[in-house]
């Protein structure tokens, strides 16, 4: 039987008041070896998803600094917030693990959503 779960990301730039369309993201499976599950950019509504890859440890990377620069924001070098990393565990490969990210150039909040 194949797992039907997924990992979904959703990022919102709260300073701009809109989804982070085009932000580069990556989902990695962490184990004996590090394996890229999926990489790409957020859709117009700020979402991105991938199959869960099974029970285990994962890491989501959000490339916030590059996204803000692409929007024309003048950031210091290095930026205060560049890549946000979130490590999490998947205990049930048959359900969705939804990770909403709310961010500004100076901080972020990330949690498991519904």
PDB file of N, CA and C in Angstrom:
ATOM      1  N   UNK A   1       0.837  -1.183   0.000  1.00  0.00           N
ATOM      2  CA  UNK A   1       0.000   0.000   0.000  1.00  0.00           C
ATOM      3  C   UNK A   1       0.883   1.248   0.000  1.00  0.00           C
ATOM      4  N   UNK A   2       0.569   2.202  -0.852  1.00  0.00           N
ATOM      5  CA  UNK A   2       1.374   3.415  -0.980  1.00  0.00           C
ATOM      6  C   UNK A   2       0.843   4.499  -0.036  1.00  0.00           C
ATOM      7  N   UNK A   3       1.773   5.277   0.549  1.00  0.00           N
ATOM      8  CA  UNK A   3       1.387   6.387   1.411  1.00  0.00           C
ATOM      9  C   UNK A   3       0.681   7.451   0.576  1.00  0.00           C
ATOM     10  N   UNK A   4      -0.359   8.062   1.138  1.00  0.00           N
ATOM     11  CA  UNK A   4      -1.102   9.085   0.393  1.00  0.00           C
ATOM     12  C   UNK A   4      -0.918  10.468   0.986  1.00  0.00           C
ATOM     13  N   UNK A   5      -0.058  10.594   1.990  1.00  0.00           N
ATOM     14  CA  UNK A   5       0.129  11.877   2.644  1.00  0.00           C
ATOM     15  C   UNK A   5       0.971  12.831   1.827  1.00  0.00           C
ATOM     16  N   UNK A   6       1.015  14.071   2.305  1.00  0.00           N
ATOM     17  CA  UNK A   6       1.826  15.066   1.619  1.00  0.00           C
ATOM     18  C   UNK A   6       2.326  16.103   2.609  1.00  0.00           C
ATOM     19  N   UNK A   7       3.305  16.843   2.152  1.00  0.00           N
ATOM     20  CA  UNK A   7       3.833  17.996   2.887  1.00  0.00           C
ATOM     21  C   UNK A   7       3.491  19.213   2.044  1.00  0.00           C
ATOM     22  N   UNK A   8       2.819  20.183   2.653  1.00  0.00           N
ATOM     23  CA  UNK A   8       2.500  21.406   1.915  1.00  0.00           C
ATOM     24  C   UNK A   8       3.053  22.612   2.666  1.00  0.00           C
ATOM     25  N   UNK A   9       3.553  23.554   1.888  1.00  0.00           N
ATOM     26  CA  UNK A   9       4.102  24.793   2.430  1.00  0.00           C
ATOM     27  C   UNK A   9       3.210  25.945   1.975  1.00  0.00           C
ATOM     28  N   UNK A  10       3.116  26.979   2.796  1.00  0.00           N
ATOM     29  CA  UNK A  10       2.347  28.179   2.441  1.00  0.00           C
ATOM     30  C   UNK A  10       3.048  29.363   3.093  1.00  0.00           C
ATOM     31  N   UNK A  11       3.504  30.318   2.298  1.00  0.00           N
ATOM     32  CA  UNK A  11       4.239  31.463   2.842  1.00  0.00           C
ATOM     33  C   UNK A  11       3.526  32.766   2.497  1.00  0.00           C
ATOM     34  N   UNK A  12       3.430  33.638   3.521  1.00  0.00           N
ATOM     35  CA  UNK A  12       2.802  34.948   3.367  1.00  0.00           C
ATOM     36  C   UNK A  12       3.755  36.016   3.894  1.00  0.00           C
ATOM     37  N   UNK A  13       4.014  37.010   3.062  1.00  0.00           N
ATOM     38  CA  UNK A  13       4.806  38.173   3.461  1.00  0.00           C
ATOM     39  C   UNK A  13       3.845  39.125   4.169  1.00  0.00           C
ATOM     40  N   UNK A  14       3.871  39.125   5.493  1.00  0.00           N
ATOM     41  CA  UNK A  14       2.900  39.939   6.240  1.00  0.00           C
ATOM     42  C   UNK A  14       3.188  41.430   6.118  1.00  0.00           C
ATOM     43  N   UNK A  15       4.440  41.821   5.849  1.00  0.00           N
ATOM     44  CA  UNK A  15       4.756  43.239   5.666  1.00  0.00           C
ATOM     45  C   UNK A  15       4.121  43.766   4.380  1.00  0.00           C
ATOM     46  N   UNK A  16       4.118  42.929   3.325  1.00  0.00           N
ATOM     47  CA  UNK A  16       3.519  43.325   2.050  1.00  0.00           C
ATOM     48  C   UNK A  16       2.029  42.992   2.005  1.00  0.00           C
ATOM     49  N   UNK A  17       1.598  42.095   2.904  1.00  0.00           N
ATOM     50  CA  UNK A  17       0.195  41.711   2.937  1.00  0.00           C
ATOM     51  C   UNK A  17      -0.234  40.812   1.796  1.00  0.00           C
ATOM     52  N   UNK A  18       0.692  39.942   1.316  1.00  0.00           N
ATOM     53  CA  UNK A  18       0.323  39.055   0.213  1.00  0.00           C
ATOM     54  C   UNK A  18       1.154  37.778   0.225  1.00  0.00           C
ATOM     55  N   UNK A  19       0.671  36.740  -0.494  1.00  0.00           N
ATOM     56  CA  UNK A  19       1.429  35.491  -0.582  1.00  0.00           C
ATOM     57  C   UNK A  19       2.798  35.716  -1.202  1.00  0.00           C
ATOM     58  N   UNK A  20       3.746  34.865  -0.851  1.00  0.00           N
ATOM     59  CA  UNK A  20       5.129  34.989  -1.313  1.00  0.00           C
ATOM     60  C   UNK A  20       5.334  34.266  -2.645  1.00  0.00           C
ATOM     61  N   UNK A  21       4.558  34.649  -3.627  1.00  0.00           N
ATOM     62  CA  UNK A  21       4.625  34.052  -4.969  1.00  0.00           C
ATOM     63  C   UNK A  21       6.065  34.083  -5.486  1.00  0.00           C
ATOM     64  N   UNK A  22       6.531  32.927  -5.982  1.00  0.00           N
ATOM     65  CA  UNK A  22       7.852  32.842  -6.590  1.00  0.00           C
ATOM     66  C   UNK A  22       9.003  32.584  -5.630  1.00  0.00           C
ATOM     67  N   UNK A  23       8.745  32.555  -4.326  1.00  0.00           N
ATOM     68  CA  UNK A  23       9.831  32.266  -3.377  1.00  0.00           C
ATOM     69  C   UNK A  23      10.357  30.851  -3.609  1.00  0.00           C
ATOM     70  N   UNK A  24      11.669  30.692  -3.626  1.00  0.00           N
ATOM     71  CA  UNK A  24      12.285  29.373  -3.739  1.00  0.00           C
ATOM     72  C   UNK A  24      12.170  28.632  -2.418  1.00  0.00           C
ATOM     73  N   UNK A  25      11.800  27.349  -2.512  1.00  0.00           N
ATOM     74  CA  UNK A  25      11.662  26.494  -1.333  1.00  0.00           C
ATOM     75  C   UNK A  25      12.239  25.116  -1.655  1.00  0.00           C
ATOM     76  N   UNK A  26      12.588  24.407  -0.598  1.00  0.00           N
ATOM     77  CA  UNK A  26      13.082  23.036  -0.731  1.00  0.00           C
ATOM     78  C   UNK A  26      12.509  22.213   0.404  1.00  0.00           C
ATOM     79  N   UNK A  27      12.250  20.939   0.142  1.00  0.00           N
ATOM     80  CA  UNK A  27      11.859  19.993   1.187  1.00  0.00           C
ATOM     81  C   UNK A  27      12.857  18.841   1.125  1.00  0.00           C
ATOM     82  N   UNK A  28      13.537  18.615   2.240  1.00  0.00           N
ATOM     83  CA  UNK A  28      14.562  17.572   2.347  1.00  0.00           C
ATOM     84  C   UNK A  28      14.111  16.496   3.319  1.00  0.00           C
ATOM     85  N   UNK A  29      14.442  15.259   3.020  1.00  0.00           N
ATOM     86  CA  UNK A  29      14.276  14.169   3.976  1.00  0.00           C
ATOM     87  C   UNK A  29      15.618  14.013   4.675  1.00  0.00           C
ATOM     88  N   UNK A  30      15.582  14.020   6.010  1.00  0.00           N
ATOM     89  CA  UNK A  30      16.796  13.903   6.820  1.00  0.00           C
ATOM     90  C   UNK A  30      16.844  12.474   7.358  1.00  0.00           C
ATOM     91  N   UNK A  31      17.911  11.783   7.131  1.00  0.00           N
ATOM     92  CA  UNK A  31      18.043  10.413   7.620  1.00  0.00           C
ATOM     93  C   UNK A  31      19.507  10.054   7.647  1.00  0.00           C
ATOM     94  N   UNK A  32      19.812   8.802   7.405  1.00  0.00           N
ATOM     95  CA  UNK A  32      21.221   8.444   7.324  1.00  0.00           C
ATOM     96  C   UNK A  32      21.931   9.280   6.250  1.00  0.00           C
ATOM     97  N   UNK A  33      21.195   9.604   5.175  1.00  0.00           N
ATOM     98  CA  UNK A  33      21.697  10.521   4.153  1.00  0.00           C
ATOM     99  C   UNK A  33      20.637  11.589   3.927  1.00  0.00           C
ATOM    100  N   UNK A  34      21.080  12.748   3.517  1.00  0.00           N
ATOM    101  CA  UNK A  34      20.171  13.865   3.241  1.00  0.00           C
ATOM    102  C   UNK A  34      19.694  13.727   1.797  1.00  0.00           C
ATOM    103  N   UNK A  35      18.355  13.738   1.593  1.00  0.00           N
ATOM    104  CA  UNK A  35      17.801  13.526   0.261  1.00  0.00           C
ATOM    105  C   UNK A  35      16.798  14.631  -0.069  1.00  0.00           C
ATOM    106  N   UNK A  36      16.988  15.286  -1.211  1.00  0.00           N
ATOM    107  CA  UNK A  36      16.058  16.317  -1.650  1.00  0.00           C
ATOM    108  C   UNK A  36      14.770  15.651  -2.104  1.00  0.00           C
ATOM    109  N   UNK A  37      13.665  15.989  -1.450  1.00  0.00           N
ATOM    110  CA  UNK A  37      12.362  15.442  -1.806  1.00  0.00           C
ATOM    111  C   UNK A  37      11.766  16.236  -2.969  1.00  0.00           C
ATOM    112  N   UNK A  38      11.824  17.567  -2.862  1.00  0.00           N
ATOM    113  CA  UNK A  38      11.319  18.430  -3.935  1.00  0.00           C
ATOM    114  C   UNK A  38      11.819  19.853  -3.714  1.00  0.00           C
ATOM    115  N   UNK A  39      12.099  20.561  -4.818  1.00  0.00           N
ATOM    116  CA  UNK A  39      12.485  21.963  -4.779  1.00  0.00           C
ATOM    117  C   UNK A  39      11.705  22.686  -5.870  1.00  0.00           C
ATOM    118  N   UNK A  40      11.461  23.973  -5.648  1.00  0.00           N
ATOM    119  CA  UNK A  40      10.741  24.755  -6.641  1.00  0.00           C
ATOM    120  C   UNK A  40      10.403  26.124  -6.099  1.00  0.00           C
ATOM    121  N   UNK A  41       9.351  26.713  -6.644  1.00  0.00           N
ATOM    122  CA  UNK A  41       8.910  28.036  -6.203  1.00  0.00           C
ATOM    123  C   UNK A  41       7.444  27.992  -5.802  1.00  0.00           C
ATOM    124  N   UNK A  42       7.079  28.909  -4.928  1.00  0.00           N
ATOM    125  CA  UNK A  42       5.696  28.979  -4.473  1.00  0.00           C
ATOM    126  C   UNK A  42       4.789  29.474  -5.592  1.00  0.00           C
ATOM    127  N   UNK A  43       3.593  28.925  -5.650  1.00  0.00           N
ATOM    128  CA  UNK A  43       2.591  29.305  -6.646  1.00  0.00           C
ATOM    129  C   UNK A  43       2.050  30.702  -6.347  1.00  0.00           C
ATOM    130  N   UNK A  44       1.189  31.208  -7.198  1.00  0.00           N
ATOM    131  CA  UNK A  44       0.612  32.548  -7.043  1.00  0.00           C
ATOM    132  C   UNK A  44      -0.079  32.720  -5.697  1.00  0.00           C
ATOM    133  N   UNK A  45      -0.653  31.644  -5.155  1.00  0.00           N
ATOM    134  CA  UNK A  45      -1.318  31.725  -3.849  1.00  0.00           C
ATOM    135  C   UNK A  45      -0.364  31.449  -2.693  1.00  0.00           C
ATOM    136  N   UNK A  46       0.941  31.318  -2.979  1.00  0.00           N
ATOM    137  CA  UNK A  46       1.953  31.127  -1.949  1.00  0.00           C
ATOM    138  C   UNK A  46       2.114  29.702  -1.473  1.00  0.00           C
ATOM    139  N   UNK A  47       1.631  28.713  -2.243  1.00  0.00           N
ATOM    140  CA  UNK A  47       1.680  27.322  -1.797  1.00  0.00           C
ATOM    141  C   UNK A  47       2.639  26.474  -2.632  1.00  0.00           C
ATOM    142  N   UNK A  48       2.991  25.323  -2.056  1.00  0.00           N
ATOM    143  CA  UNK A  48       3.907  24.361  -2.676  1.00  0.00           C
ATOM    144  C   UNK A  48       3.657  23.039  -1.974  1.00  0.00           C
ATOM    145  N   UNK A  49       3.632  21.934  -2.694  1.00  0.00           N
ATOM    146  CA  UNK A  49       3.440  20.654  -2.023  1.00  0.00           C
ATOM    147  C   UNK A  49       4.247  19.539  -2.659  1.00  0.00           C
ATOM    148  N   UNK A  50       4.426  18.476  -1.860  1.00  0.00           N
ATOM    149  CA  UNK A  50       5.182  17.304  -2.284  1.00  0.00           C
ATOM    150  C   UNK A  50       4.626  16.088  -1.561  1.00  0.00           C
ATOM    151  N   UNK A  51       4.769  14.892  -2.144  1.00  0.00           N
ATOM    152  CA  UNK A  51       4.407  13.678  -1.406  1.00  0.00           C
ATOM    153  C   UNK A  51       5.256  13.594  -0.144  1.00  0.00           C
ATOM    154  N   UNK A  52       4.730  12.989   0.906  1.00  0.00           N
ATOM    155  CA  UNK A  52       5.437  12.999   2.195  1.00  0.00           C
ATOM    156  C   UNK A  52       6.748  12.237   2.188  1.00  0.00           C
ATOM    157  N   UNK A  53       6.872  11.190   1.413  1.00  0.00           N
ATOM    158  CA  UNK A  53       8.114  10.424   1.421  1.00  0.00           C
ATOM    159  C   UNK A  53       8.200   9.454   2.589  1.00  0.00           C
ATOM    160  N   UNK A  54       7.128   9.315   3.357  1.00  0.00           N
ATOM    161  CA  UNK A  54       7.091   8.350   4.441  1.00  0.00           C
ATOM    162  C   UNK A  54       7.415   8.924   5.806  1.00  0.00           C
ATOM    163  N   UNK A  55       7.353   8.078   6.799  1.00  0.00           N
ATOM    164  CA  UNK A  55       7.641   8.454   8.184  1.00  0.00           C
ATOM    165  C   UNK A  55       9.114   8.806   8.298  1.00  0.00           C
ATOM    166  N   UNK A  56       9.405   9.897   9.002  1.00  0.00           N
ATOM    167  CA  UNK A  56      10.793  10.284   9.181  1.00  0.00           C
ATOM    168  C   UNK A  56      10.951  11.747   9.507  1.00  0.00           C
ATOM    169  N   UNK A  57      12.192  12.210   9.477  1.00  0.00           N
ATOM    170  CA  UNK A  57      12.538  13.595   9.767  1.00  0.00           C
ATOM    171  C   UNK A  57      12.737  14.348   8.450  1.00  0.00           C
ATOM    172  N   UNK A  58      12.270  15.606   8.437  1.00  0.00           N
ATOM    173  CA  UNK A  58      12.326  16.440   7.241  1.00  0.00           C
ATOM    174  C   UNK A  58      12.819  17.833   7.584  1.00  0.00           C
ATOM    175  N   UNK A  59      13.205  18.564   6.541  1.00  0.00           N
ATOM    176  CA  UNK A  59      13.573  19.966   6.702  1.00  0.00           C
ATOM    177  C   UNK A  59      12.998  20.744   5.524  1.00  0.00           C
ATOM    178  N   UNK A  60      12.301  21.833   5.831  1.00  0.00           N
ATOM    179  CA  UNK A  60      11.803  22.754   4.808  1.00  0.00           C
ATOM    180  C   UNK A  60      12.694  23.990   4.837  1.00  0.00           C
ATOM    181  N   UNK A  61      13.126  24.440   3.659  1.00  0.00           N
ATOM    182  CA  UNK A  61      13.942  25.644   3.542  1.00  0.00           C
ATOM    183  C   UNK A  61      13.169  26.685   2.736  1.00  0.00           C
ATOM    184  N   UNK A  62      13.076  27.892   3.286  1.00  0.00           N
ATOM    185  CA  UNK A  62      12.397  29.008   2.653  1.00  0.00           C
ATOM    186  C   UNK A  62      13.459  30.080   2.367  1.00  0.00           C
ATOM    187  N   UNK A  63      13.668  30.437   1.119  1.00  0.00           N
ATOM    188  CA  UNK A  63      14.702  31.399   0.728  1.00  0.00           C
ATOM    189  C   UNK A  63      14.123  32.824   0.767  1.00  0.00           C
ATOM    190  N   UNK A  64      13.989  33.328   1.989  1.00  0.00           N
ATOM    191  CA  UNK A  64      13.329  34.611   2.231  1.00  0.00           C
ATOM    192  C   UNK A  64      14.160  35.788   1.722  1.00  0.00           C
ATOM    193  N   UNK A  65      15.449  35.817   2.006  1.00  0.00           N
ATOM    194  CA  UNK A  65      16.302  36.934   1.592  1.00  0.00           C
ATOM    195  C   UNK A  65      16.284  37.147   0.087  1.00  0.00           C
ATOM    196  N   UNK A  66      16.465  36.071  -0.686  1.00  0.00           N
ATOM    197  CA  UNK A  66      16.454  36.175  -2.143  1.00  0.00           C
ATOM    198  C   UNK A  66      15.090  36.634  -2.645  1.00  0.00           C
ATOM    199  N   UNK A  67      14.038  36.170  -1.997  1.00  0.00           N
ATOM    200  CA  UNK A  67      12.678  36.571  -2.384  1.00  0.00           C
ATOM    201  C   UNK A  67      12.461  38.072  -2.165  1.00  0.00           C
ATOM    202  N   UNK A  68      12.887  38.567  -1.010  1.00  0.00           N
ATOM    203  CA  UNK A  68      12.704  39.988  -0.716  1.00  0.00           C
ATOM    204  C   UNK A  68      13.531  40.857  -1.665  1.00  0.00           C
ATOM    205  N   UNK A  69      14.740  40.427  -1.972  1.00  0.00           N
ATOM    206  CA  UNK A  69      15.566  41.177  -2.929  1.00  0.00           C
ATOM    207  C   UNK A  69      14.926  41.200  -4.314  1.00  0.00           C
ATOM    208  N   UNK A  70      14.354  40.060  -4.731  1.00  0.00           N
ATOM    209  CA  UNK A  70      13.697  39.989  -6.040  1.00  0.00           C
ATOM    210  C   UNK A  70      12.487  40.918  -6.101  1.00  0.00           C
ATOM    211  N   UNK A  71      11.886  41.190  -4.942  1.00  0.00           N
ATOM    212  CA  UNK A  71      10.771  42.134  -4.856  1.00  0.00           C
ATOM    213  C   UNK A  71      11.253  43.575  -4.847  1.00  0.00           C
ATOM    214  N   UNK A  72      12.580  43.783  -4.832  1.00  0.00           N
ATOM    215  CA  UNK A  72      13.134  45.127  -4.856  1.00  0.00           C
ATOM    216  C   UNK A  72      13.459  45.705  -3.496  1.00  0.00           C
ATOM    217  N   UNK A  73      13.401  44.882  -2.445  1.00  0.00           N
ATOM    218  CA  UNK A  73      13.707  45.368  -1.107  1.00  0.00           C
ATOM    219  C   UNK A  73      15.217  45.511  -0.943  1.00  0.00           C
ATOM    220  N   UNK A  74      15.641  46.620  -0.399  1.00  0.00           N
ATOM    221  CA  UNK A  74      17.058  46.878  -0.133  1.00  0.00           C
ATOM    222  C   UNK A  74      17.397  46.285   1.232  1.00  0.00           C
ATOM    223  N   UNK A  75      18.139  45.185   1.221  1.00  0.00           N
ATOM    224  CA  UNK A  75      18.517  44.492   2.453  1.00  0.00           C
ATOM    225  C   UNK A  75      19.998  44.671   2.715  1.00  0.00           C
ATOM    226  N   UNK A  76      20.413  44.662   3.980  1.00  0.00           N
ATOM    227  CA  UNK A  76      21.844  44.726   4.279  1.00  0.00           C
ATOM    228  C   UNK A  76      22.533  43.435   3.827  1.00  0.00           C
ATOM    229  N   UNK A  77      23.850  43.474   3.744  1.00  0.00           N
ATOM    230  CA  UNK A  77      24.617  42.275   3.388  1.00  0.00           C
ATOM    231  C   UNK A  77      25.518  41.897   4.544  1.00  0.00           C
ATOM    232  N   UNK A  78      25.361  40.770   5.174  1.00  0.00           N
ATOM    233  CA  UNK A  78      24.321  39.791   4.882  1.00  0.00           C
ATOM    234  C   UNK A  78      22.973  40.243   5.439  1.00  0.00           C
ATOM    235  N   UNK A  79      21.873  39.712   4.874  1.00  0.00           N
ATOM    236  CA  UNK A  79      20.560  40.086   5.402  1.00  0.00           C
ATOM    237  C   UNK A  79      20.355  39.483   6.787  1.00  0.00           C
ATOM    238  N   UNK A  80      19.549  40.135   7.589  1.00  0.00           N
ATOM    239  CA  UNK A  80      19.233  39.598   8.916  1.00  0.00           C
ATOM    240  C   UNK A  80      18.592  38.221   8.786  1.00  0.00           C
ATOM    241  N   UNK A  81      17.641  38.080   7.875  1.00  0.00           N
ATOM    242  CA  UNK A  81      16.943  36.813   7.649  1.00  0.00           C
ATOM    243  C   UNK A  81      17.171  36.407   6.197  1.00  0.00           C
ATOM    244  N   UNK A  82      17.862  35.294   5.990  1.00  0.00           N
ATOM    245  CA  UNK A  82      18.171  34.845   4.639  1.00  0.00           C
ATOM    246  C   UNK A  82      17.383  33.588   4.300  1.00  0.00           C
ATOM    247  N   UNK A  83      17.777  32.452   4.869  1.00  0.00           N
ATOM    248  CA  UNK A  83      17.076  31.190   4.629  1.00  0.00           C
ATOM    249  C   UNK A  83      16.494  30.715   5.956  1.00  0.00           C
ATOM    250  N   UNK A  84      15.179  30.537   5.981  1.00  0.00           N
ATOM    251  CA  UNK A  84      14.521  30.000   7.173  1.00  0.00           C
ATOM    252  C   UNK A  84      14.466  28.482   7.030  1.00  0.00           C
ATOM    253  N   UNK A  85      14.978  27.793   8.037  1.00  0.00           N
ATOM    254  CA  UNK A  85      15.008  26.337   8.053  1.00  0.00           C
ATOM    255  C   UNK A  85      14.067  25.842   9.145  1.00  0.00           C
ATOM    256  N   UNK A  86      13.263  24.842   8.808  1.00  0.00           N
ATOM    257  CA  UNK A  86      12.335  24.275   9.780  1.00  0.00           C
ATOM    258  C   UNK A  86      12.433  22.761   9.707  1.00  0.00           C
ATOM    259  N   UNK A  87      12.915  22.130  10.786  1.00  0.00           N
ATOM    260  CA  UNK A  87      13.003  20.671  10.846  1.00  0.00           C
ATOM    261  C   UNK A  87      11.793  20.142  11.589  1.00  0.00           C
ATOM    262  N   UNK A  88      11.207  19.070  11.049  1.00  0.00           N
ATOM    263  CA  UNK A  88       9.981  18.513  11.629  1.00  0.00           C
ATOM    264  C   UNK A  88       9.925  17.018  11.352  1.00  0.00           C
ATOM    265  N   UNK A  89       9.079  16.327  12.112  1.00  0.00           N
ATOM    266  CA  UNK A  89       8.919  14.890  11.947  1.00  0.00           C
ATOM    267  C   UNK A  89       7.565  14.540  11.374  1.00  0.00           C
ATOM    268  N   UNK A  90       7.541  13.548  10.487  1.00  0.00           N
ATOM    269  CA  UNK A  90       6.303  12.995   9.960  1.00  0.00           C
ATOM    270  C   UNK A  90       6.097  11.647  10.643  1.00  0.00           C
ATOM    271  N   UNK A  91       5.067  11.557  11.478  1.00  0.00           N
ATOM    272  CA  UNK A  91       4.780  10.336  12.225  1.00  0.00           C
ATOM    273  C   UNK A  91       3.692   9.500  11.557  1.00  0.00           C
ATOM    274  N   UNK A  92       2.912  10.112  10.662  1.00  0.00           N
ATOM    275  CA  UNK A  92       1.839   9.414   9.952  1.00  0.00           C
ATOM    276  C   UNK A  92       1.930   9.803   8.484  1.00  0.00           C
ATOM    277  N   UNK A  93       2.465   8.906   7.662  1.00  0.00           N
ATOM    278  CA  UNK A  93       2.697   9.207   6.248  1.00  0.00           C
ATOM    279  C   UNK A  93       1.410   9.277   5.428  1.00  0.00           C
ATOM    280  N   UNK A  94       0.274   8.994   6.035  1.00  0.00           N
ATOM    281  CA  UNK A  94      -0.988   9.011   5.313  1.00  0.00           C
ATOM    282  C   UNK A  94      -1.773  10.299   5.452  1.00  0.00           C
ATOM    283  N   UNK A  95      -1.208  11.310   6.132  1.00  0.00           N
ATOM    284  CA  UNK A  95      -1.926  12.574   6.316  1.00  0.00           C
ATOM    285  C   UNK A  95      -1.102  13.735   5.764  1.00  0.00           C
ATOM    286  N   UNK A  96      -1.739  14.902   5.686  1.00  0.00           N
ATOM    287  CA  UNK A  96      -1.044  16.094   5.216  1.00  0.00           C
ATOM    288  C   UNK A  96      -0.380  16.804   6.385  1.00  0.00           C
ATOM    289  N   UNK A  97       0.864  17.214   6.178  1.00  0.00           N
ATOM    290  CA  UNK A  97       1.585  18.070   7.118  1.00  0.00           C
ATOM    291  C   UNK A  97       1.688  19.431   6.449  1.00  0.00           C
ATOM    292  N   UNK A  98       0.871  20.370   6.902  1.00  0.00           N
ATOM    293  CA  UNK A  98       0.791  21.700   6.311  1.00  0.00           C
ATOM    294  C   UNK A  98       1.607  22.663   7.164  1.00  0.00           C
ATOM    295  N   UNK A  99       2.550  23.375   6.538  1.00  0.00           N
ATOM    296  CA  UNK A  99       3.458  24.273   7.253  1.00  0.00           C
ATOM    297  C   UNK A  99       3.273  25.708   6.761  1.00  0.00           C
ATOM    298  N   UNK A 100       2.434  26.516   7.450  1.00  0.00           N
ATOM    299  CA  UNK A 100       2.272  27.915   7.086  1.00  0.00           C
ATOM    300  C   UNK A 100       3.408  28.765   7.674  1.00  0.00           C
ATOM    301  N   UNK A 101       3.987  29.613   6.838  1.00  0.00           N
ATOM    302  CA  UNK A 101       5.055  30.525   7.233  1.00  0.00           C
ATOM    303  C   UNK A 101       4.549  31.953   7.069  1.00  0.00           C
ATOM    304  N   UNK A 102       4.673  32.747   8.110  1.00  0.00           N
ATOM    305  CA  UNK A 102       4.387  34.182   8.071  1.00  0.00           C
ATOM    306  C   UNK A 102       5.718  34.871   8.328  1.00  0.00           C
ATOM    307  N   UNK A 103       6.093  35.848   7.479  1.00  0.00           N
ATOM    308  CA  UNK A 103       7.423  36.442   7.628  1.00  0.00           C
ATOM    309  C   UNK A 103       7.443  37.922   7.286  1.00  0.00           C
ATOM    310  N   UNK A 104       8.502  38.571   7.756  1.00  0.00           N
ATOM    311  CA  UNK A 104       8.899  39.932   7.399  1.00  0.00           C
ATOM    312  C   UNK A 104      10.416  39.854   7.186  1.00  0.00           C
ATOM    313  N   UNK A 105      11.080  40.942   6.820  1.00  0.00           N
ATOM    314  CA  UNK A 105      12.540  40.887   6.716  1.00  0.00           C
ATOM    315  C   UNK A 105      13.227  40.645   8.065  1.00  0.00           C
ATOM    316  N   UNK A 106      12.500  40.763   9.160  1.00  0.00           N
ATOM    317  CA  UNK A 106      13.113  40.705  10.498  1.00  0.00           C
ATOM    318  C   UNK A 106      12.688  39.523  11.349  1.00  0.00           C
ATOM    319  N   UNK A 107      11.827  38.662  10.835  1.00  0.00           N
ATOM    320  CA  UNK A 107      11.419  37.510  11.627  1.00  0.00           C
ATOM    321  C   UNK A 107      10.380  36.675  10.916  1.00  0.00           C
ATOM    322  N   UNK A 108      10.087  35.502  11.508  1.00  0.00           N
ATOM    323  CA  UNK A 108       9.084  34.623  10.925  1.00  0.00           C
ATOM    324  C   UNK A 108       8.425  33.777  12.003  1.00  0.00           C
ATOM    325  N   UNK A 109       7.266  33.244  11.648  1.00  0.00           N
ATOM    326  CA  UNK A 109       6.531  32.303  12.484  1.00  0.00           C
ATOM    327  C   UNK A 109       6.157  31.134  11.594  1.00  0.00           C
ATOM    328  N   UNK A 110       6.414  29.914  12.065  1.00  0.00           N
ATOM    329  CA  UNK A 110       6.135  28.721  11.290  1.00  0.00           C
ATOM    330  C   UNK A 110       5.579  27.671  12.228  1.00  0.00           C
ATOM    331  N   UNK A 111       4.534  26.965  11.801  1.00  0.00           N
ATOM    332  CA  UNK A 111       3.867  25.989  12.655  1.00  0.00           C
ATOM    333  C   UNK A 111       3.199  24.939  11.804  1.00  0.00           C
ATOM    334  N   UNK A 112       2.695  23.894  12.416  1.00  0.00           N
ATOM    335  CA  UNK A 112       1.897  22.903  11.682  1.00  0.00           C
ATOM    336  C   UNK A 112       0.465  23.390  11.696  1.00  0.00           C
ATOM    337  N   UNK A 113      -0.074  23.591  10.523  1.00  0.00           N
ATOM    338  CA  UNK A 113      -1.448  24.044  10.375  1.00  0.00           C
ATOM    339  C   UNK A 113      -2.383  22.907  10.028  1.00  0.00           C
ATOM    340  N   UNK A 114      -3.606  23.269   9.766  1.00  0.00           N
ATOM    341  CA  UNK A 114      -4.623  22.257   9.417  1.00  0.00           C
ATOM    342  C   UNK A 114      -4.832  22.210   7.929  1.00  0.00           C
TER     343      UNK A 114
END
